[in-house]
Amino acid sequence: MVTAESIEHSIKASLPCTWIRVEGNDGHHFSAIIVSELFEGKNIVKQHQLVYQALGERMREEIHALSMKTYTPEQWETAKNSN
């Protein structure tokens, strides 16, 4: 069964993350917050494509649904401080 920890590990292995949290406990539906400098200058679609690339075949074969929020480090600081 897929775990949040295994998804987090796969993302970290391919994408340098300043901060990441993956949650989900049913083995099929997951949510993630991912902060990476690689997202700088990229729109949200390109950011999400980087995450999908990091997960590779897992997105097609193992992970049923992954909702995500992606941030640059600067955007993350602003988002954290606004809550």
C-alpha atoms as a PDB file:
ATOM      1  CA  MET A   1       0.000   0.000   0.000  1.00  0.00           C
ATOM      2  CA  VAL A   2       1.173   3.504  -0.809  1.00  0.00           C
ATOM      3  CA  THR A   3       1.953   5.691   2.200  1.00  0.00           C
ATOM      4  CA  ALA A   4       2.302   9.428   2.627  1.00  0.00           C
ATOM      5  CA  GLU A   5       5.899   8.834   3.724  1.00  0.00           C
ATOM      6  CA  SER A   6       6.769   6.911   0.551  1.00  0.00           C
ATOM      7  CA  ILE A   7       5.311   9.682  -1.623  1.00  0.00           C
ATOM      8  CA  GLU A   8       7.244  12.301   0.343  1.00  0.00           C
ATOM      9  CA  HIS A   9      10.433  10.269  -0.082  1.00  0.00           C
ATOM     10  CA  SER A  10       9.914   9.980  -3.860  1.00  0.00           C
ATOM     11  CA  ILE A  11       9.367  13.718  -4.218  1.00  0.00           C
ATOM     12  CA  LYS A  12      12.398  14.588  -2.066  1.00  0.00           C
ATOM     13  CA  ALA A  13      14.599  12.190  -4.050  1.00  0.00           C
ATOM     14  CA  SER A  14      13.989  14.105  -7.299  1.00  0.00           C
ATOM     15  CA  LEU A  15      13.044  17.612  -6.224  1.00  0.00           C
ATOM     16  CA  PRO A  16      15.013  19.766  -3.787  1.00  0.00           C
ATOM     17  CA  CYS A  17      12.435  20.782  -1.193  1.00  0.00           C
ATOM     18  CA  THR A  18      12.755  23.528   1.379  1.00  0.00           C
ATOM     19  CA  TRP A  19       9.704  22.099   3.131  1.00  0.00           C
ATOM     20  CA  ILE A  20       7.266  19.279   2.356  1.00  0.00           C
ATOM     21  CA  ARG A  21       4.333  17.573   4.014  1.00  0.00           C
ATOM     22  CA  VAL A  22       2.292  14.751   2.499  1.00  0.00           C
ATOM     23  CA  GLU A  23      -0.814  13.513   4.256  1.00  0.00           C
ATOM     24  CA  GLY A  24      -3.308  10.747   3.623  1.00  0.00           C
ATOM     25  CA  ASN A  25      -4.099   7.512   5.324  1.00  0.00           C
ATOM     26  CA  ASP A  26      -6.376   5.519   3.045  1.00  0.00           C
ATOM     27  CA  GLY A  27      -3.629   4.474   0.631  1.00  0.00           C
ATOM     28  CA  HIS A  28      -5.306   6.163  -2.337  1.00  0.00           C
ATOM     29  CA  HIS A  29      -5.992   9.854  -1.689  1.00  0.00           C
ATOM     30  CA  PHE A  30      -3.230  12.207  -0.615  1.00  0.00           C
ATOM     31  CA  SER A  31      -2.609  15.913  -0.156  1.00  0.00           C
ATOM     32  CA  ALA A  32       0.729  17.656  -0.205  1.00  0.00           C
ATOM     33  CA  ILE A  33       2.316  21.015   0.481  1.00  0.00           C
ATOM     34  CA  ILE A  34       5.618  21.342  -1.347  1.00  0.00           C
ATOM     35  CA  VAL A  35       8.064  24.247  -1.157  1.00  0.00           C
ATOM     36  CA  SER A  36      10.950  24.328  -3.623  1.00  0.00           C
ATOM     37  CA  GLU A  37      13.276  26.875  -5.160  1.00  0.00           C
ATOM     38  CA  LEU A  38      12.763  25.092  -8.495  1.00  0.00           C
ATOM     39  CA  PHE A  39       9.259  26.564  -8.594  1.00  0.00           C
ATOM     40  CA  GLU A  40      10.689  30.090  -8.978  1.00  0.00           C
ATOM     41  CA  GLY A  41       9.455  31.717 -12.197  1.00  0.00           C
ATOM     42  CA  LYS A  42       7.123  28.825 -13.058  1.00  0.00           C
ATOM     43  CA  ASN A  43       3.353  28.944 -13.131  1.00  0.00           C
ATOM     44  CA  ILE A  44       1.327  26.506 -11.056  1.00  0.00           C
ATOM     45  CA  VAL A  45       0.913  24.052 -13.949  1.00  0.00           C
ATOM     46  CA  LYS A  46       4.686  23.840 -14.480  1.00  0.00           C
ATOM     47  CA  GLN A  47       5.207  23.482 -10.724  1.00  0.00           C
ATOM     48  CA  HIS A  48       2.775  20.574 -10.554  1.00  0.00           C
ATOM     49  CA  GLN A  49       4.381  18.980 -13.608  1.00  0.00           C
ATOM     50  CA  LEU A  50       7.711  18.959 -11.744  1.00  0.00           C
ATOM     51  CA  VAL A  51       6.066  17.075  -8.885  1.00  0.00           C
ATOM     52  CA  TYR A  52       4.419  14.607 -11.278  1.00  0.00           C
ATOM     53  CA  GLN A  53       7.799  14.037 -12.929  1.00  0.00           C
ATOM     54  CA  ALA A  54       9.341  13.362  -9.531  1.00  0.00           C
ATOM     55  CA  LEU A  55       6.687  10.716  -8.862  1.00  0.00           C
ATOM     56  CA  GLY A  56       6.970   9.218 -12.344  1.00  0.00           C
ATOM     57  CA  GLU A  57       5.095   5.964 -12.867  1.00  0.00           C
ATOM     58  CA  ARG A  58       3.793   6.025  -9.305  1.00  0.00           C
ATOM     59  CA  MET A  59       1.194   8.604 -10.400  1.00  0.00           C
ATOM     60  CA  ARG A  60      -0.106   6.233 -13.064  1.00  0.00           C
ATOM     61  CA  GLU A  61       0.128   2.988 -11.162  1.00  0.00           C
ATOM     62  CA  GLU A  62      -0.079   3.533  -7.399  1.00  0.00           C
ATOM     63  CA  ILE A  63      -1.461   6.948  -6.479  1.00  0.00           C
ATOM     64  CA  HIS A  64      -5.151   7.433  -7.160  1.00  0.00           C
ATOM     65  CA  ALA A  65      -5.342  11.126  -6.237  1.00  0.00           C
ATOM     66  CA  LEU A  66      -2.873  13.759  -5.102  1.00  0.00           C
ATOM     67  CA  SER A  67      -4.029  17.284  -4.372  1.00  0.00           C
ATOM     68  CA  MET A  68      -1.160  19.661  -3.871  1.00  0.00           C
ATOM     69  CA  LYS A  69      -0.225  23.198  -3.068  1.00  0.00           C
ATOM     70  CA  THR A  70       3.142  24.313  -4.359  1.00  0.00           C
ATOM     71  CA  TYR A  71       5.078  27.353  -3.212  1.00  0.00           C
ATOM     72  CA  THR A  72       8.384  29.062  -3.780  1.00  0.00           C
ATOM     73  CA  PRO A  73      10.206  29.721  -0.489  1.00  0.00           C
ATOM     74  CA  GLU A  74       9.133  33.387  -0.649  1.00  0.00           C
ATOM     75  CA  GLN A  75       5.484  32.479  -1.298  1.00  0.00           C
ATOM     76  CA  TRP A  76       5.622  29.962   1.564  1.00  0.00           C
ATOM     77  CA  GLU A  77       6.860  32.600   4.025  1.00  0.00           C
ATOM     78  CA  THR A  78       3.993  34.871   3.017  1.00  0.00           C
ATOM     79  CA  ALA A  79       1.425  32.039   3.247  1.00  0.00           C
ATOM     80  CA  LYS A  80       2.696  30.891   6.674  1.00  0.00           C
ATOM     81  CA  ASN A  81       2.590  34.395   8.095  1.00  0.00           C
ATOM     82  CA  SER A  82      -0.906  35.136   6.824  1.00  0.00           C
ATOM     83  CA  ASN A  83      -2.478  32.300   8.833  1.00  0.00           C
END
